[in-house]
Amino acid sequence: MKLINVIFEYTGIILIFINALLYLIGYKRYKNVLAYKYFSWYLFISFIVSFTAFVYAKFKITNLHFSHAYFISQFLLLSLFYRSLFKSNQKKYLVIIMVLVTLILAIQYALKPSLLYQFNLFEIFITSFPIVVYAAIHLYNSLNTVYVYSLINAGVLIYITSSTLIFILGNYISYEDMNSDIKRNIYLINKILYVVYLTLILIQWKTSFRPVKSKS
């Protein structure tokens, strides 16, 4: 089981690097497409944060503070990604949610700075749940139509919904001091789902954004 855990951990790091690289390579080509730009930045920042946290973990250095950068950047950039895809009457509500979530977290950390060095379940929920709602709304908006970001949206729905539940459950289990094997299995499921999510993103690039070679 430990070997499988390591395999999926390294696979996740490799895939996020490949995805970030591929989407950034096409950044100039799609510079006028806001959704593509925001998603490219999301992948790039996710890679930087994930890789740095990965290195810290290997050197047995506390890396919990990187979780805040990961979840907050994911919330902000995916919110902007979906805002660029939403209908005009939906955009204003998304902006309101962005502002409210940012203010709530700023107040929470101002009142209790020690949370910056802890795993914040409230932060995970309040930054992840809106993204799941955005993905569901975008899926509804796109019914009976062919839309470019279908695989990415499906990945967001699957992974972020599942990972939010897993993080909350995993934290509960740690407090209950249950068998460590159970905790490892729960987080292994999260790593597997993350690899599935990144694979869908890669397939999306191949089907929608890969440069087409001109015929000579």
N, C-alpha and C. Protein backbone atom coordinates (compact mmCIF):
# COMPACT_ATOMS: atom_id res chain seq x y z
N MET A 1 0.83 -1.22 0.00
CA MET A 1 0.00 0.00 0.00
C MET A 1 0.86 1.26 0.00
N LYS A 2 2.00 1.19 0.73
CA LYS A 2 2.89 2.36 0.78
C LYS A 2 3.45 2.67 -0.60
N LEU A 3 3.79 1.63 -1.37
CA LEU A 3 4.31 1.82 -2.72
C LEU A 3 3.27 2.47 -3.61
N ILE A 4 2.03 2.03 -3.53
CA ILE A 4 0.95 2.61 -4.33
C ILE A 4 0.77 4.08 -3.98
N ASN A 5 0.85 4.38 -2.69
CA ASN A 5 0.74 5.76 -2.23
C ASN A 5 1.82 6.63 -2.85
N VAL A 6 3.04 6.14 -2.84
CA VAL A 6 4.18 6.87 -3.40
C VAL A 6 4.02 7.05 -4.91
N ILE A 7 3.56 6.01 -5.60
CA ILE A 7 3.38 6.07 -7.05
C ILE A 7 2.39 7.18 -7.42
N PHE A 8 1.26 7.22 -6.74
CA PHE A 8 0.25 8.24 -7.05
C PHE A 8 0.70 9.63 -6.63
N GLU A 9 1.50 9.70 -5.56
CA GLU A 9 2.02 10.99 -5.13
C GLU A 9 2.95 11.58 -6.20
N TYR A 10 3.87 10.78 -6.71
CA TYR A 10 4.80 11.23 -7.73
C TYR A 10 4.08 11.47 -9.07
N THR A 11 3.11 10.62 -9.37
CA THR A 11 2.34 10.79 -10.61
C THR A 11 1.60 12.13 -10.60
N GLY A 12 1.05 12.49 -9.45
CA GLY A 12 0.36 13.77 -9.33
C GLY A 12 1.29 14.94 -9.58
N ILE A 13 2.50 14.89 -9.00
CA ILE A 13 3.47 15.97 -9.19
C ILE A 13 3.88 16.07 -10.66
N ILE A 14 4.12 14.93 -11.29
CA ILE A 14 4.52 14.91 -12.71
C ILE A 14 3.41 15.46 -13.60
N LEU A 15 2.17 15.04 -13.34
CA LEU A 15 1.04 15.48 -14.17
C LEU A 15 0.75 16.97 -14.01
N ILE A 16 0.83 17.50 -12.78
CA ILE A 16 0.56 18.92 -12.60
C ILE A 16 1.65 19.74 -13.30
N PHE A 17 2.90 19.23 -13.30
CA PHE A 17 3.97 19.92 -14.01
C PHE A 17 3.72 19.91 -15.52
N ILE A 18 3.36 18.75 -16.06
CA ILE A 18 3.09 18.63 -17.50
C ILE A 18 1.93 19.53 -17.91
N ASN A 19 0.86 19.50 -17.13
CA ASN A 19 -0.31 20.33 -17.46
C ASN A 19 0.01 21.81 -17.41
N ALA A 20 0.71 22.23 -16.34
CA ALA A 20 1.07 23.64 -16.21
C ALA A 20 1.94 24.07 -17.39
N LEU A 21 2.89 23.23 -17.77
CA LEU A 21 3.78 23.54 -18.90
C LEU A 21 3.01 23.64 -20.21
N LEU A 22 2.17 22.66 -20.49
CA LEU A 22 1.42 22.64 -21.75
C LEU A 22 0.47 23.83 -21.87
N TYR A 23 -0.25 24.12 -20.81
CA TYR A 23 -1.21 25.23 -20.87
C TYR A 23 -0.49 26.58 -20.95
N LEU A 24 0.66 26.70 -20.29
CA LEU A 24 1.40 27.96 -20.37
C LEU A 24 2.04 28.14 -21.75
N ILE A 25 2.43 27.03 -22.39
CA ILE A 25 2.98 27.12 -23.75
C ILE A 25 1.95 27.71 -24.70
N GLY A 26 0.68 27.35 -24.50
CA GLY A 26 -0.38 27.87 -25.36
C GLY A 26 -0.95 29.20 -24.90
N TYR A 27 -0.35 29.78 -23.85
CA TYR A 27 -0.88 31.01 -23.25
C TYR A 27 -0.94 32.15 -24.27
N LYS A 28 0.12 32.32 -25.04
CA LYS A 28 0.16 33.41 -26.01
C LYS A 28 -0.88 33.22 -27.11
N ARG A 29 -1.07 31.97 -27.53
CA ARG A 29 -2.02 31.66 -28.59
C ARG A 29 -3.46 31.98 -28.17
N TYR A 30 -3.73 31.80 -26.87
CA TYR A 30 -5.08 32.03 -26.35
C TYR A 30 -5.11 33.24 -25.41
N LYS A 31 -4.25 34.21 -25.67
CA LYS A 31 -4.12 35.35 -24.77
C LYS A 31 -5.40 36.17 -24.64
N ASN A 32 -6.29 36.07 -25.61
CA ASN A 32 -7.54 36.82 -25.55
C ASN A 32 -8.70 35.99 -24.98
N VAL A 33 -8.41 34.76 -24.58
CA VAL A 33 -9.44 33.89 -24.01
C VAL A 33 -9.25 33.87 -22.49
N LEU A 34 -10.11 34.61 -21.78
CA LEU A 34 -9.93 34.77 -20.34
C LEU A 34 -9.97 33.45 -19.59
N ALA A 35 -10.89 32.57 -19.95
CA ALA A 35 -11.01 31.29 -19.25
C ALA A 35 -9.70 30.51 -19.34
N TYR A 36 -9.11 30.47 -20.50
CA TYR A 36 -7.85 29.74 -20.70
C TYR A 36 -6.74 30.38 -19.87
N LYS A 37 -6.68 31.70 -19.85
CA LYS A 37 -5.63 32.40 -19.12
C LYS A 37 -5.73 32.12 -17.61
N TYR A 38 -6.95 32.24 -17.07
CA TYR A 38 -7.12 32.01 -15.64
C TYR A 38 -6.81 30.57 -15.27
N PHE A 39 -7.21 29.64 -16.12
CA PHE A 39 -6.96 28.24 -15.81
C PHE A 39 -5.47 27.91 -15.92
N SER A 40 -4.78 28.54 -16.84
CA SER A 40 -3.34 28.35 -16.96
C SER A 40 -2.61 28.83 -15.71
N TRP A 41 -3.02 29.98 -15.21
CA TRP A 41 -2.42 30.51 -13.99
C TRP A 41 -2.74 29.62 -12.79
N TYR A 42 -3.94 29.09 -12.77
CA TYR A 42 -4.32 28.16 -11.71
C TYR A 42 -3.40 26.94 -11.70
N LEU A 43 -3.15 26.38 -12.87
CA LEU A 43 -2.27 25.21 -12.96
C LEU A 43 -0.84 25.55 -12.55
N PHE A 44 -0.36 26.70 -13.00
CA PHE A 44 1.01 27.11 -12.70
C PHE A 44 1.20 27.31 -11.20
N ILE A 45 0.30 28.04 -10.56
CA ILE A 45 0.42 28.30 -9.12
C ILE A 45 0.23 27.01 -8.33
N SER A 46 -0.69 26.16 -8.78
CA SER A 46 -0.91 24.88 -8.11
C SER A 46 0.36 24.03 -8.15
N PHE A 47 1.05 24.06 -9.29
CA PHE A 47 2.30 23.30 -9.39
C PHE A 47 3.35 23.85 -8.43
N ILE A 48 3.52 25.17 -8.41
CA ILE A 48 4.52 25.79 -7.54
C ILE A 48 4.25 25.43 -6.08
N VAL A 49 3.00 25.59 -5.66
CA VAL A 49 2.64 25.32 -4.26
C VAL A 49 2.80 23.83 -3.94
N SER A 50 2.28 22.97 -4.83
CA SER A 50 2.32 21.52 -4.60
C SER A 50 3.76 21.01 -4.56
N PHE A 51 4.58 21.48 -5.49
CA PHE A 51 5.97 21.01 -5.55
C PHE A 51 6.75 21.48 -4.33
N THR A 52 6.53 22.73 -3.92
CA THR A 52 7.23 23.26 -2.75
C THR A 52 6.83 22.50 -1.49
N ALA A 53 5.52 22.24 -1.35
CA ALA A 53 5.04 21.47 -0.20
C ALA A 53 5.60 20.05 -0.23
N PHE A 54 5.71 19.49 -1.43
CA PHE A 54 6.26 18.15 -1.61
C PHE A 54 7.72 18.09 -1.15
N VAL A 55 8.50 19.08 -1.54
CA VAL A 55 9.91 19.14 -1.13
C VAL A 55 10.03 19.30 0.38
N TYR A 56 9.22 20.17 0.95
CA TYR A 56 9.23 20.36 2.41
C TYR A 56 8.95 19.04 3.12
N ALA A 57 7.95 18.30 2.60
CA ALA A 57 7.58 17.03 3.23
C ALA A 57 8.73 16.04 3.17
N LYS A 58 9.44 16.00 2.05
CA LYS A 58 10.55 15.06 1.90
C LYS A 58 11.68 15.36 2.87
N PHE A 59 11.84 16.65 3.19
CA PHE A 59 12.87 17.04 4.16
C PHE A 59 12.32 17.11 5.59
N LYS A 60 11.07 16.61 5.74
CA LYS A 60 10.41 16.56 7.05
C LYS A 60 10.29 17.94 7.69
N ILE A 61 9.99 18.93 6.85
CA ILE A 61 9.75 20.30 7.32
C ILE A 61 8.24 20.55 7.28
N THR A 62 7.73 21.19 8.30
CA THR A 62 6.30 21.48 8.36
C THR A 62 5.85 22.25 7.12
N ASN A 63 4.80 21.75 6.47
CA ASN A 63 4.33 22.40 5.24
C ASN A 63 2.85 22.72 5.27
N LEU A 64 2.24 22.69 6.45
CA LEU A 64 0.80 22.94 6.55
C LEU A 64 0.40 24.32 6.05
N HIS A 65 1.31 25.30 6.22
CA HIS A 65 0.98 26.66 5.80
C HIS A 65 0.79 26.77 4.29
N PHE A 66 1.34 25.81 3.53
CA PHE A 66 1.15 25.85 2.08
C PHE A 66 -0.29 25.51 1.69
N SER A 67 -1.01 24.84 2.59
CA SER A 67 -2.41 24.50 2.28
C SER A 67 -3.25 25.75 2.09
N HIS A 68 -2.91 26.83 2.82
CA HIS A 68 -3.68 28.07 2.69
C HIS A 68 -3.46 28.69 1.31
N ALA A 69 -2.21 28.71 0.87
CA ALA A 69 -1.90 29.24 -0.46
C ALA A 69 -2.61 28.42 -1.53
N TYR A 70 -2.64 27.10 -1.34
CA TYR A 70 -3.26 26.22 -2.33
C TYR A 70 -4.76 26.47 -2.44
N PHE A 71 -5.46 26.41 -1.31
CA PHE A 71 -6.92 26.52 -1.35
C PHE A 71 -7.40 27.92 -1.71
N ILE A 72 -6.70 28.95 -1.23
CA ILE A 72 -7.12 30.32 -1.54
C ILE A 72 -6.85 30.65 -3.01
N SER A 73 -5.67 30.28 -3.52
CA SER A 73 -5.38 30.54 -4.93
C SER A 73 -6.31 29.74 -5.83
N GLN A 74 -6.61 28.50 -5.44
CA GLN A 74 -7.55 27.69 -6.21
C GLN A 74 -8.92 28.36 -6.26
N PHE A 75 -9.37 28.85 -5.11
CA PHE A 75 -10.67 29.52 -5.05
C PHE A 75 -10.71 30.75 -5.93
N LEU A 76 -9.70 31.61 -5.82
CA LEU A 76 -9.70 32.87 -6.57
C LEU A 76 -9.59 32.64 -8.07
N LEU A 77 -8.67 31.79 -8.49
CA LEU A 77 -8.44 31.60 -9.92
C LEU A 77 -9.54 30.78 -10.59
N LEU A 78 -10.06 29.77 -9.91
CA LEU A 78 -11.18 29.03 -10.50
C LEU A 78 -12.46 29.85 -10.48
N SER A 79 -12.60 30.75 -9.51
CA SER A 79 -13.74 31.67 -9.51
C SER A 79 -13.68 32.57 -10.74
N LEU A 80 -12.50 33.11 -11.03
CA LEU A 80 -12.32 33.95 -12.21
C LEU A 80 -12.52 33.14 -13.50
N PHE A 81 -12.07 31.89 -13.47
CA PHE A 81 -12.26 30.99 -14.62
C PHE A 81 -13.75 30.83 -14.92
N TYR A 82 -14.53 30.53 -13.89
CA TYR A 82 -15.97 30.34 -14.10
C TYR A 82 -16.69 31.66 -14.39
N ARG A 83 -16.21 32.74 -13.81
CA ARG A 83 -16.82 34.04 -14.11
C ARG A 83 -16.74 34.34 -15.60
N SER A 84 -15.63 33.99 -16.22
CA SER A 84 -15.46 34.25 -17.65
C SER A 84 -16.37 33.35 -18.50
N LEU A 85 -16.89 32.27 -17.91
CA LEU A 85 -17.76 31.36 -18.64
C LEU A 85 -19.25 31.60 -18.35
N PHE A 86 -19.53 32.28 -17.25
CA PHE A 86 -20.92 32.47 -16.84
C PHE A 86 -21.66 33.47 -17.71
N LYS A 87 -22.98 33.38 -17.63
CA LYS A 87 -23.83 34.37 -18.28
C LYS A 87 -23.72 35.68 -17.52
N SER A 88 -24.02 36.79 -18.19
CA SER A 88 -23.81 38.12 -17.61
C SER A 88 -24.56 38.32 -16.29
N ASN A 89 -25.77 37.79 -16.18
CA ASN A 89 -26.55 37.98 -14.95
C ASN A 89 -26.05 37.13 -13.79
N GLN A 90 -25.17 36.17 -14.07
CA GLN A 90 -24.61 35.31 -13.02
C GLN A 90 -23.28 35.83 -12.49
N LYS A 91 -22.61 36.64 -13.29
CA LYS A 91 -21.27 37.11 -12.93
C LYS A 91 -21.26 37.91 -11.63
N LYS A 92 -22.27 38.79 -11.44
CA LYS A 92 -22.26 39.67 -10.27
C LYS A 92 -22.37 38.88 -8.97
N TYR A 93 -23.14 37.79 -8.98
CA TYR A 93 -23.28 36.97 -7.77
C TYR A 93 -21.96 36.27 -7.45
N LEU A 94 -21.25 35.86 -8.48
CA LEU A 94 -19.96 35.22 -8.28
C LEU A 94 -18.97 36.19 -7.65
N VAL A 95 -18.98 37.43 -8.13
CA VAL A 95 -18.07 38.44 -7.57
C VAL A 95 -18.39 38.70 -6.11
N ILE A 96 -19.67 38.77 -5.79
CA ILE A 96 -20.09 38.97 -4.39
C ILE A 96 -19.56 37.84 -3.51
N ILE A 97 -19.68 36.61 -3.99
CA ILE A 97 -19.18 35.45 -3.23
C ILE A 97 -17.67 35.54 -3.04
N MET A 98 -16.95 35.92 -4.09
CA MET A 98 -15.50 36.07 -4.00
C MET A 98 -15.11 37.07 -2.91
N VAL A 99 -15.77 38.21 -2.92
CA VAL A 99 -15.47 39.27 -1.95
C VAL A 99 -15.80 38.81 -0.53
N LEU A 100 -16.96 38.18 -0.36
CA LEU A 100 -17.38 37.73 0.96
C LEU A 100 -16.43 36.68 1.54
N VAL A 101 -16.08 35.70 0.72
CA VAL A 101 -15.18 34.64 1.18
C VAL A 101 -13.82 35.23 1.56
N THR A 102 -13.31 36.12 0.73
CA THR A 102 -12.01 36.74 1.01
C THR A 102 -12.04 37.54 2.31
N LEU A 103 -13.12 38.31 2.52
CA LEU A 103 -13.26 39.11 3.74
C LEU A 103 -13.38 38.22 4.98
N ILE A 104 -14.18 37.17 4.87
CA ILE A 104 -14.38 36.26 6.00
C ILE A 104 -13.06 35.62 6.42
N LEU A 105 -12.28 35.16 5.44
CA LEU A 105 -11.00 34.53 5.75
C LEU A 105 -10.01 35.55 6.31
N ALA A 106 -10.01 36.75 5.75
CA ALA A 106 -9.11 37.80 6.24
C ALA A 106 -9.41 38.13 7.70
N ILE A 107 -10.70 38.21 8.03
CA ILE A 107 -11.11 38.49 9.41
C ILE A 107 -10.71 37.33 10.33
N GLN A 108 -10.94 36.11 9.86
CA GLN A 108 -10.60 34.94 10.67
C GLN A 108 -9.12 34.89 11.00
N TYR A 109 -8.27 35.13 9.99
CA TYR A 109 -6.82 35.07 10.22
C TYR A 109 -6.32 36.27 11.02
N ALA A 110 -7.01 37.40 10.88
CA ALA A 110 -6.63 38.58 11.67
C ALA A 110 -6.93 38.36 13.15
N LEU A 111 -8.06 37.70 13.42
CA LEU A 111 -8.45 37.44 14.80
C LEU A 111 -7.66 36.28 15.41
N LYS A 112 -7.26 35.33 14.57
CA LYS A 112 -6.55 34.15 15.08
C LYS A 112 -5.39 33.80 14.13
N PRO A 113 -4.28 34.55 14.18
CA PRO A 113 -3.14 34.32 13.28
C PRO A 113 -2.53 32.92 13.39
N SER A 114 -2.72 32.26 14.52
CA SER A 114 -2.15 30.92 14.69
C SER A 114 -2.72 29.92 13.69
N LEU A 115 -3.88 30.22 13.11
CA LEU A 115 -4.49 29.35 12.11
C LEU A 115 -3.63 29.24 10.85
N LEU A 116 -2.75 30.22 10.65
CA LEU A 116 -1.88 30.18 9.48
C LEU A 116 -0.94 28.98 9.51
N TYR A 117 -0.74 28.41 10.68
CA TYR A 117 0.17 27.28 10.82
C TYR A 117 -0.58 26.00 11.18
N GLN A 118 -1.89 26.00 10.88
CA GLN A 118 -2.72 24.84 11.15
C GLN A 118 -3.53 24.47 9.90
N PHE A 119 -4.11 23.29 9.93
CA PHE A 119 -5.00 22.83 8.87
C PHE A 119 -6.37 23.41 9.15
N ASN A 120 -6.84 24.32 8.30
CA ASN A 120 -8.08 25.06 8.55
C ASN A 120 -9.24 24.44 7.78
N LEU A 121 -10.05 23.64 8.45
CA LEU A 121 -11.18 22.98 7.80
C LEU A 121 -12.20 23.98 7.28
N PHE A 122 -12.40 25.05 8.04
CA PHE A 122 -13.36 26.08 7.61
C PHE A 122 -12.91 26.69 6.29
N GLU A 123 -11.62 26.96 6.18
CA GLU A 123 -11.07 27.52 4.94
C GLU A 123 -11.28 26.56 3.77
N ILE A 124 -11.04 25.28 3.99
CA ILE A 124 -11.22 24.29 2.93
C ILE A 124 -12.66 24.29 2.44
N PHE A 125 -13.60 24.30 3.38
CA PHE A 125 -15.01 24.25 3.00
C PHE A 125 -15.46 25.52 2.28
N ILE A 126 -15.10 26.68 2.86
CA ILE A 126 -15.61 27.94 2.33
C ILE A 126 -14.97 28.31 0.99
N THR A 127 -13.79 27.75 0.70
CA THR A 127 -13.16 28.01 -0.60
C THR A 127 -13.49 26.95 -1.64
N SER A 128 -13.87 25.76 -1.19
CA SER A 128 -14.13 24.66 -2.13
C SER A 128 -15.60 24.55 -2.52
N PHE A 129 -16.50 24.75 -1.58
CA PHE A 129 -17.92 24.58 -1.87
C PHE A 129 -18.41 25.52 -2.98
N PRO A 130 -18.02 26.81 -2.98
CA PRO A 130 -18.46 27.67 -4.09
C PRO A 130 -17.98 27.17 -5.45
N ILE A 131 -16.77 26.61 -5.52
CA ILE A 131 -16.25 26.11 -6.79
C ILE A 131 -17.12 24.96 -7.30
N VAL A 132 -17.54 24.08 -6.40
CA VAL A 132 -18.42 22.97 -6.78
C VAL A 132 -19.74 23.52 -7.31
N VAL A 133 -20.26 24.55 -6.65
CA VAL A 133 -21.52 25.17 -7.11
C VAL A 133 -21.33 25.80 -8.48
N TYR A 134 -20.21 26.51 -8.69
CA TYR A 134 -19.94 27.10 -10.00
C TYR A 134 -19.91 26.03 -11.09
N ALA A 135 -19.24 24.92 -10.79
CA ALA A 135 -19.12 23.84 -11.77
C ALA A 135 -20.50 23.27 -12.12
N ALA A 136 -21.35 23.12 -11.10
CA ALA A 136 -22.70 22.60 -11.34
C ALA A 136 -23.52 23.59 -12.17
N ILE A 137 -23.38 24.88 -11.89
CA ILE A 137 -24.09 25.90 -12.66
C ILE A 137 -23.62 25.91 -14.10
N HIS A 138 -22.30 25.81 -14.29
CA HIS A 138 -21.77 25.80 -15.66
C HIS A 138 -22.24 24.57 -16.42
N LEU A 139 -22.32 23.43 -15.74
CA LEU A 139 -22.84 22.22 -16.37
C LEU A 139 -24.29 22.43 -16.80
N TYR A 140 -25.07 23.06 -15.95
CA TYR A 140 -26.47 23.35 -16.28
C TYR A 140 -26.56 24.32 -17.46
N ASN A 141 -25.73 25.35 -17.43
CA ASN A 141 -25.74 26.33 -18.53
C ASN A 141 -25.39 25.70 -19.87
N SER A 142 -24.62 24.62 -19.81
CA SER A 142 -24.09 24.01 -21.03
C SER A 142 -24.89 22.81 -21.52
N LEU A 143 -26.01 22.53 -20.87
CA LEU A 143 -26.84 21.41 -21.30
C LEU A 143 -27.28 21.59 -22.75
N ASN A 144 -27.24 20.52 -23.49
CA ASN A 144 -27.65 20.51 -24.91
C ASN A 144 -26.74 21.34 -25.81
N THR A 145 -25.54 21.65 -25.30
CA THR A 145 -24.57 22.36 -26.13
C THR A 145 -23.22 21.67 -26.01
N VAL A 146 -22.36 21.91 -26.98
CA VAL A 146 -20.99 21.40 -26.92
C VAL A 146 -20.11 22.52 -26.37
N TYR A 147 -19.47 22.28 -25.23
CA TYR A 147 -18.65 23.34 -24.66
C TYR A 147 -17.21 22.86 -24.47
N VAL A 148 -16.30 23.81 -24.58
CA VAL A 148 -14.87 23.51 -24.66
C VAL A 148 -14.32 22.88 -23.39
N TYR A 149 -14.79 23.33 -22.24
CA TYR A 149 -14.17 22.94 -20.98
C TYR A 149 -14.93 21.82 -20.27
N SER A 150 -15.55 20.93 -21.02
CA SER A 150 -16.38 19.88 -20.45
C SER A 150 -15.60 18.94 -19.54
N LEU A 151 -14.41 18.51 -19.96
CA LEU A 151 -13.61 17.58 -19.16
C LEU A 151 -13.06 18.25 -17.91
N ILE A 152 -12.63 19.49 -18.06
CA ILE A 152 -12.14 20.25 -16.91
C ILE A 152 -13.26 20.41 -15.88
N ASN A 153 -14.43 20.77 -16.37
CA ASN A 153 -15.57 20.97 -15.47
C ASN A 153 -15.96 19.68 -14.76
N ALA A 154 -15.94 18.57 -15.50
CA ALA A 154 -16.24 17.27 -14.89
C ALA A 154 -15.20 16.93 -13.82
N GLY A 155 -13.92 17.23 -14.12
CA GLY A 155 -12.86 16.98 -13.16
C GLY A 155 -13.02 17.80 -11.89
N VAL A 156 -13.40 19.05 -12.05
CA VAL A 156 -13.62 19.92 -10.90
C VAL A 156 -14.75 19.36 -10.02
N LEU A 157 -15.85 18.98 -10.66
CA LEU A 157 -16.98 18.42 -9.90
C LEU A 157 -16.58 17.17 -9.13
N ILE A 158 -15.86 16.28 -9.81
CA ILE A 158 -15.48 15.01 -9.18
C ILE A 158 -14.44 15.23 -8.08
N TYR A 159 -13.35 15.92 -8.43
CA TYR A 159 -12.22 16.00 -7.52
C TYR A 159 -12.47 16.93 -6.33
N ILE A 160 -12.93 18.13 -6.60
CA ILE A 160 -13.07 19.09 -5.50
C ILE A 160 -14.17 18.68 -4.53
N THR A 161 -15.26 18.12 -5.07
CA THR A 161 -16.31 17.62 -4.17
C THR A 161 -15.76 16.51 -3.28
N SER A 162 -15.09 15.55 -3.89
CA SER A 162 -14.55 14.40 -3.14
C SER A 162 -13.45 14.81 -2.18
N SER A 163 -12.52 15.65 -2.64
CA SER A 163 -11.37 16.02 -1.79
C SER A 163 -11.82 16.82 -0.57
N THR A 164 -12.85 17.66 -0.74
CA THR A 164 -13.36 18.42 0.40
C THR A 164 -13.87 17.47 1.48
N LEU A 165 -14.65 16.48 1.06
CA LEU A 165 -15.17 15.49 2.01
C LEU A 165 -14.04 14.68 2.63
N ILE A 166 -13.04 14.34 1.83
CA ILE A 166 -11.91 13.53 2.31
C ILE A 166 -11.09 14.30 3.35
N PHE A 167 -10.80 15.57 3.08
CA PHE A 167 -10.02 16.36 4.02
C PHE A 167 -10.75 16.50 5.35
N ILE A 168 -12.06 16.76 5.27
CA ILE A 168 -12.84 16.90 6.49
C ILE A 168 -12.90 15.58 7.25
N LEU A 169 -13.14 14.49 6.53
CA LEU A 169 -13.19 13.17 7.15
C LEU A 169 -11.83 12.78 7.72
N GLY A 170 -10.78 13.06 6.96
CA GLY A 170 -9.43 12.74 7.42
C GLY A 170 -9.06 13.47 8.68
N ASN A 171 -9.46 14.73 8.78
CA ASN A 171 -9.16 15.50 9.96
C ASN A 171 -9.96 14.97 11.16
N TYR A 172 -11.20 14.59 10.91
CA TYR A 172 -12.04 14.03 11.98
C TYR A 172 -11.42 12.73 12.51
N ILE A 173 -10.95 11.90 11.60
CA ILE A 173 -10.35 10.63 12.00
C ILE A 173 -9.10 10.85 12.83
N SER A 174 -8.30 11.87 12.46
CA SER A 174 -7.08 12.13 13.22
C SER A 174 -7.41 12.57 14.64
N TYR A 175 -8.50 13.35 14.76
CA TYR A 175 -8.89 13.76 16.10
C TYR A 175 -9.39 12.58 16.94
N GLU A 176 -10.01 11.63 16.25
CA GLU A 176 -10.54 10.47 16.96
C GLU A 176 -9.46 9.42 17.23
N ASP A 177 -8.24 9.68 16.71
CA ASP A 177 -7.10 8.79 16.93
C ASP A 177 -7.39 7.36 16.46
N MET A 178 -7.94 7.27 15.27
CA MET A 178 -8.23 5.96 14.72
C MET A 178 -6.99 5.37 14.05
N ASN A 179 -7.12 4.16 13.56
CA ASN A 179 -6.03 3.44 12.94
C ASN A 179 -5.38 4.28 11.84
N SER A 180 -4.06 4.39 11.88
CA SER A 180 -3.35 5.21 10.89
C SER A 180 -3.50 4.66 9.48
N ASP A 181 -3.70 3.34 9.35
CA ASP A 181 -3.89 2.74 8.03
C ASP A 181 -5.17 3.27 7.37
N ILE A 182 -6.19 3.50 8.18
CA ILE A 182 -7.44 4.05 7.64
C ILE A 182 -7.20 5.44 7.10
N LYS A 183 -6.43 6.24 7.85
CA LYS A 183 -6.13 7.60 7.40
C LYS A 183 -5.33 7.57 6.10
N ARG A 184 -4.35 6.67 6.03
CA ARG A 184 -3.54 6.58 4.82
C ARG A 184 -4.39 6.17 3.62
N ASN A 185 -5.33 5.27 3.83
CA ASN A 185 -6.21 4.83 2.74
C ASN A 185 -7.11 5.95 2.26
N ILE A 186 -7.57 6.76 3.20
CA ILE A 186 -8.44 7.89 2.83
C ILE A 186 -7.66 8.88 1.97
N TYR A 187 -6.43 9.20 2.39
CA TYR A 187 -5.64 10.16 1.62
C TYR A 187 -5.12 9.56 0.32
N LEU A 188 -5.01 8.23 0.26
CA LEU A 188 -4.66 7.57 -1.00
C LEU A 188 -5.78 7.77 -2.01
N ILE A 189 -7.01 7.65 -1.56
CA ILE A 189 -8.16 7.88 -2.44
C ILE A 189 -8.10 9.30 -3.00
N ASN A 190 -7.73 10.25 -2.15
CA ASN A 190 -7.62 11.64 -2.61
C ASN A 190 -6.55 11.79 -3.69
N LYS A 191 -5.41 11.10 -3.50
CA LYS A 191 -4.33 11.16 -4.48
C LYS A 191 -4.76 10.54 -5.81
N ILE A 192 -5.51 9.43 -5.73
CA ILE A 192 -6.01 8.78 -6.95
C ILE A 192 -6.96 9.71 -7.70
N LEU A 193 -7.87 10.34 -6.96
CA LEU A 193 -8.83 11.26 -7.58
C LEU A 193 -8.11 12.47 -8.18
N TYR A 194 -7.03 12.92 -7.53
CA TYR A 194 -6.26 14.04 -8.04
C TYR A 194 -5.61 13.67 -9.37
N VAL A 195 -5.09 12.45 -9.47
CA VAL A 195 -4.49 11.98 -10.72
C VAL A 195 -5.56 11.89 -11.82
N VAL A 196 -6.75 11.43 -11.47
CA VAL A 196 -7.86 11.38 -12.44
C VAL A 196 -8.19 12.79 -12.92
N TYR A 197 -8.27 13.73 -11.99
CA TYR A 197 -8.55 15.14 -12.32
C TYR A 197 -7.50 15.70 -13.27
N LEU A 198 -6.24 15.49 -12.95
CA LEU A 198 -5.15 16.00 -13.80
C LEU A 198 -5.13 15.31 -15.16
N THR A 199 -5.52 14.06 -15.20
CA THR A 199 -5.59 13.33 -16.47
C THR A 199 -6.69 13.91 -17.36
N LEU A 200 -7.81 14.25 -16.77
CA LEU A 200 -8.90 14.88 -17.53
C LEU A 200 -8.46 16.24 -18.09
N ILE A 201 -7.69 16.98 -17.29
CA ILE A 201 -7.17 18.27 -17.75
C ILE A 201 -6.23 18.07 -18.93
N LEU A 202 -5.40 17.04 -18.86
CA LEU A 202 -4.47 16.74 -19.94
C LEU A 202 -5.22 16.34 -21.21
N ILE A 203 -6.24 15.50 -21.06
CA ILE A 203 -7.04 15.09 -22.21
C ILE A 203 -7.74 16.30 -22.82
N GLN A 204 -8.20 17.23 -21.95
CA GLN A 204 -8.84 18.44 -22.45
C GLN A 204 -7.88 19.24 -23.32
N TRP A 205 -6.63 19.33 -22.88
CA TRP A 205 -5.63 20.05 -23.68
C TRP A 205 -5.43 19.37 -25.04
N LYS A 206 -5.33 18.04 -25.02
CA LYS A 206 -5.08 17.30 -26.25
C LYS A 206 -6.25 17.42 -27.23
N THR A 207 -7.47 17.46 -26.72
CA THR A 207 -8.64 17.49 -27.61
C THR A 207 -9.05 18.90 -28.02
N SER A 208 -8.68 19.89 -27.21
CA SER A 208 -9.18 21.24 -27.48
C SER A 208 -8.11 22.29 -27.76
N PHE A 209 -6.92 22.11 -27.22
CA PHE A 209 -5.93 23.19 -27.28
C PHE A 209 -4.60 22.80 -27.93
N ARG A 210 -4.40 21.52 -28.23
CA ARG A 210 -3.13 21.12 -28.84
C ARG A 210 -3.02 21.74 -30.23
N PRO A 211 -1.88 22.35 -30.55
CA PRO A 211 -1.70 22.95 -31.89
C PRO A 211 -1.90 21.91 -32.99
N VAL A 212 -2.61 22.30 -34.01
CA VAL A 212 -2.85 21.41 -35.12
C VAL A 212 -1.76 21.63 -36.17
N LYS A 213 -1.08 20.56 -36.53
CA LYS A 213 0.00 20.68 -37.54
C LYS A 213 -0.61 20.94 -38.92
N SER A 214 -0.07 21.94 -39.57
CA SER A 214 -0.57 22.26 -40.91
C SER A 214 -0.05 21.24 -41.92
N LYS A 215 -0.91 20.90 -42.84
CA LYS A 215 -0.52 19.95 -43.87
C LYS A 215 0.31 20.65 -44.93
N SER A 216 1.42 20.02 -45.31
CA SER A 216 2.30 20.63 -46.32
C SER A 216 1.76 20.33 -47.71
